[in-house]
N, C-alpha and C. Protein backbone atom coordinates (compact mmCIF):
# COMPACT_ATOMS: atom_id res chain seq x y z
N ALA A 1 6.00 94.58 -201.13
CA ALA A 1 6.76 94.34 -202.34
C ALA A 1 7.07 95.64 -203.07
N VAL A 2 6.13 96.56 -203.09
CA VAL A 2 6.35 97.79 -203.84
C VAL A 2 7.41 98.68 -203.21
N ALA A 3 7.73 98.46 -201.95
CA ALA A 3 8.75 99.27 -201.28
C ALA A 3 10.17 98.79 -201.59
N GLU A 4 10.31 97.60 -202.15
CA GLU A 4 11.63 97.04 -202.45
C GLU A 4 12.19 97.67 -203.73
N ASP A 5 13.44 98.10 -203.69
CA ASP A 5 14.08 98.70 -204.86
C ASP A 5 14.18 97.72 -206.03
N GLU A 6 14.34 96.43 -205.75
CA GLU A 6 14.50 95.43 -206.80
C GLU A 6 13.21 95.20 -207.59
N VAL A 7 12.06 95.53 -206.99
CA VAL A 7 10.77 95.33 -207.67
C VAL A 7 10.55 96.50 -208.61
N GLN A 8 10.58 96.21 -209.92
CA GLN A 8 10.40 97.25 -210.92
C GLN A 8 8.93 97.44 -211.28
N GLN A 9 8.17 96.34 -211.27
CA GLN A 9 6.75 96.41 -211.60
C GLN A 9 5.99 95.43 -210.72
N CYS A 10 4.76 95.77 -210.40
CA CYS A 10 3.89 94.89 -209.63
C CYS A 10 2.50 94.98 -210.24
N TRP A 11 2.00 93.87 -210.74
CA TRP A 11 0.70 93.82 -211.40
C TRP A 11 -0.23 92.87 -210.65
N ARG A 12 -1.44 93.31 -210.38
CA ARG A 12 -2.45 92.40 -209.86
C ARG A 12 -3.17 91.81 -211.05
N VAL A 13 -3.27 90.50 -211.09
CA VAL A 13 -3.86 89.82 -212.24
C VAL A 13 -5.04 88.98 -211.79
N SER A 14 -5.92 88.68 -212.73
CA SER A 14 -7.09 87.86 -212.41
C SER A 14 -6.93 86.50 -213.05
N PRO A 15 -7.55 85.49 -212.58
CA PRO A 15 -8.51 85.49 -211.48
C PRO A 15 -7.80 85.38 -210.13
N GLY A 16 -8.49 85.83 -209.13
CA GLY A 16 -7.98 85.64 -207.78
C GLY A 16 -6.99 86.69 -207.33
N PRO A 17 -6.53 86.53 -206.11
CA PRO A 17 -5.57 87.49 -205.53
C PRO A 17 -4.14 87.17 -205.95
N ASP A 18 -3.90 87.21 -207.25
CA ASP A 18 -2.57 86.89 -207.77
C ASP A 18 -1.85 88.15 -208.22
N PHE A 19 -0.54 88.11 -208.09
CA PHE A 19 0.30 89.24 -208.49
C PHE A 19 1.44 88.74 -209.35
N VAL A 20 1.86 89.59 -210.27
CA VAL A 20 3.06 89.34 -211.06
C VAL A 20 4.04 90.44 -210.70
N LEU A 21 5.22 90.05 -210.28
CA LEU A 21 6.27 91.01 -209.96
C LEU A 21 7.35 90.92 -211.02
N ILE A 22 7.79 92.05 -211.52
CA ILE A 22 8.94 92.13 -212.40
C ILE A 22 10.07 92.67 -211.54
N VAL A 23 11.10 91.85 -211.33
CA VAL A 23 12.19 92.24 -210.44
C VAL A 23 13.52 92.19 -211.18
N HIS A 24 14.46 92.94 -210.67
CA HIS A 24 15.82 92.93 -211.22
C HIS A 24 16.78 92.79 -210.05
N THR A 25 17.52 91.69 -210.06
CA THR A 25 18.53 91.46 -209.03
C THR A 25 19.88 91.22 -209.68
N ARG A 26 20.92 91.42 -208.93
CA ARG A 26 22.29 91.26 -209.46
C ARG A 26 22.57 89.82 -209.86
N ASP A 27 22.09 88.87 -209.03
CA ASP A 27 22.40 87.46 -209.27
C ASP A 27 21.38 86.60 -208.53
N MET A 28 21.54 85.29 -208.62
CA MET A 28 20.59 84.39 -207.98
C MET A 28 20.63 84.48 -206.45
N PRO A 29 21.78 84.65 -205.81
CA PRO A 29 21.73 84.87 -204.35
C PRO A 29 20.93 86.12 -203.99
N GLY A 30 21.02 87.16 -204.82
CA GLY A 30 20.22 88.36 -204.59
C GLY A 30 18.74 88.09 -204.75
N TYR A 31 18.38 87.27 -205.74
CA TYR A 31 16.98 86.89 -205.93
C TYR A 31 16.49 86.07 -204.75
N LEU A 32 17.31 85.13 -204.29
CA LEU A 32 16.91 84.31 -203.15
C LEU A 32 16.66 85.17 -201.92
N ALA A 33 17.54 86.13 -201.66
CA ALA A 33 17.35 87.02 -200.51
C ALA A 33 16.07 87.84 -200.65
N LEU A 34 15.81 88.35 -201.86
CA LEU A 34 14.59 89.13 -202.09
C LEU A 34 13.35 88.26 -201.90
N SER A 35 13.36 87.07 -202.48
CA SER A 35 12.18 86.21 -202.38
C SER A 35 11.93 85.78 -200.94
N GLN A 36 12.98 85.57 -200.17
CA GLN A 36 12.78 85.22 -198.76
C GLN A 36 12.19 86.39 -197.99
N ARG A 37 12.66 87.61 -198.29
CA ARG A 37 12.09 88.79 -197.61
C ARG A 37 10.62 88.97 -197.98
N LEU A 38 10.29 88.78 -199.24
CA LEU A 38 8.94 89.06 -199.69
C LEU A 38 7.94 87.97 -199.34
N PHE A 39 8.36 86.71 -199.44
CA PHE A 39 7.37 85.63 -199.44
C PHE A 39 7.38 84.73 -198.22
N THR A 40 8.50 84.56 -197.55
CA THR A 40 8.51 83.61 -196.44
C THR A 40 8.03 84.22 -195.13
N GLN A 41 7.97 85.53 -195.05
CA GLN A 41 7.56 86.19 -193.81
C GLN A 41 6.09 86.58 -193.80
N ASP A 42 5.36 86.30 -194.89
CA ASP A 42 3.96 86.69 -194.99
C ASP A 42 3.07 85.45 -194.95
N ALA A 43 2.26 85.33 -193.91
CA ALA A 43 1.39 84.15 -193.76
C ALA A 43 0.33 84.06 -194.85
N ASN A 44 0.05 85.16 -195.55
CA ASN A 44 -0.95 85.15 -196.61
C ASN A 44 -0.44 84.54 -197.91
N VAL A 45 0.86 84.38 -198.04
CA VAL A 45 1.44 83.81 -199.25
C VAL A 45 1.45 82.30 -199.12
N ARG A 46 0.72 81.63 -200.01
CA ARG A 46 0.64 80.18 -199.96
C ARG A 46 1.42 79.50 -201.06
N ASN A 47 1.63 80.20 -202.18
CA ASN A 47 2.25 79.56 -203.32
C ASN A 47 3.04 80.59 -204.11
N VAL A 48 4.23 80.24 -204.52
CA VAL A 48 5.07 81.14 -205.31
C VAL A 48 5.62 80.37 -206.50
N LYS A 49 5.53 80.97 -207.68
CA LYS A 49 6.14 80.41 -208.88
C LYS A 49 7.09 81.44 -209.44
N SER A 50 8.26 81.00 -209.83
CA SER A 50 9.27 81.91 -210.38
C SER A 50 9.55 81.53 -211.83
N PHE A 51 9.64 82.55 -212.67
CA PHE A 51 10.01 82.38 -214.06
C PHE A 51 11.15 83.34 -214.34
N PHE A 52 12.11 82.91 -215.15
CA PHE A 52 13.29 83.72 -215.41
C PHE A 52 13.43 83.94 -216.90
N SER A 53 13.75 85.16 -217.27
CA SER A 53 13.97 85.50 -218.66
C SER A 53 15.33 84.98 -219.10
N VAL A 54 15.35 84.34 -220.26
CA VAL A 54 16.61 83.87 -220.82
C VAL A 54 16.96 84.60 -222.11
N HIS A 55 15.95 85.28 -222.69
CA HIS A 55 16.18 86.03 -223.92
C HIS A 55 15.06 87.05 -224.09
N ARG A 56 15.42 88.28 -224.38
CA ARG A 56 14.42 89.32 -224.63
C ARG A 56 14.05 89.29 -226.10
N ALA A 57 12.79 89.04 -226.40
CA ALA A 57 12.32 89.00 -227.78
C ALA A 57 11.96 90.40 -228.27
N LYS A 58 11.39 91.22 -227.39
CA LYS A 58 11.04 92.59 -227.76
C LYS A 58 10.82 93.38 -226.48
N PHE A 59 11.18 94.67 -226.54
CA PHE A 59 10.94 95.56 -225.41
C PHE A 59 10.62 96.93 -225.98
N GLU A 60 9.43 97.41 -225.75
CA GLU A 60 8.99 98.73 -226.20
C GLU A 60 8.34 99.47 -225.04
N THR A 61 8.55 100.76 -224.98
CA THR A 61 7.87 101.56 -223.98
C THR A 61 6.97 102.61 -224.62
N LYS A 62 7.06 102.77 -225.93
CA LYS A 62 6.22 103.77 -226.57
C LYS A 62 4.80 103.23 -226.74
N VAL A 63 3.86 104.16 -226.76
CA VAL A 63 2.46 103.83 -226.96
C VAL A 63 2.05 104.41 -228.31
N PRO A 64 1.61 103.58 -229.26
CA PRO A 64 1.20 104.12 -230.56
C PRO A 64 -0.07 104.96 -230.42
N LEU A 65 -0.04 106.17 -230.92
CA LEU A 65 -1.20 107.05 -230.86
C LEU A 65 -1.73 107.27 -232.26
N ALA A 66 -3.03 107.18 -232.40
CA ALA A 66 -3.65 107.40 -233.69
C ALA A 66 -3.55 108.86 -234.07
N LEU A 67 -3.18 109.13 -235.32
CA LEU A 67 -3.10 110.51 -235.80
C LEU A 67 -4.49 110.99 -236.18
N ILE A 68 -4.82 112.20 -235.78
CA ILE A 68 -6.15 112.75 -236.08
C ILE A 68 -6.04 113.71 -237.26
């Protein structure tokens, strides 16, 4: 998954061997092609859930640092 250009972020989350992928594709056919490449060819993948953003509520990349 990390080798795919469409995958912007990959997080391992607990509990269990679960991952969250943040992906960016041009359209739904592009997402379908990506998901088939990533998930249908790997025997270790048993379950996939997809969630789609419909509205960005907030996006920040800065990290607040305490002033000394």
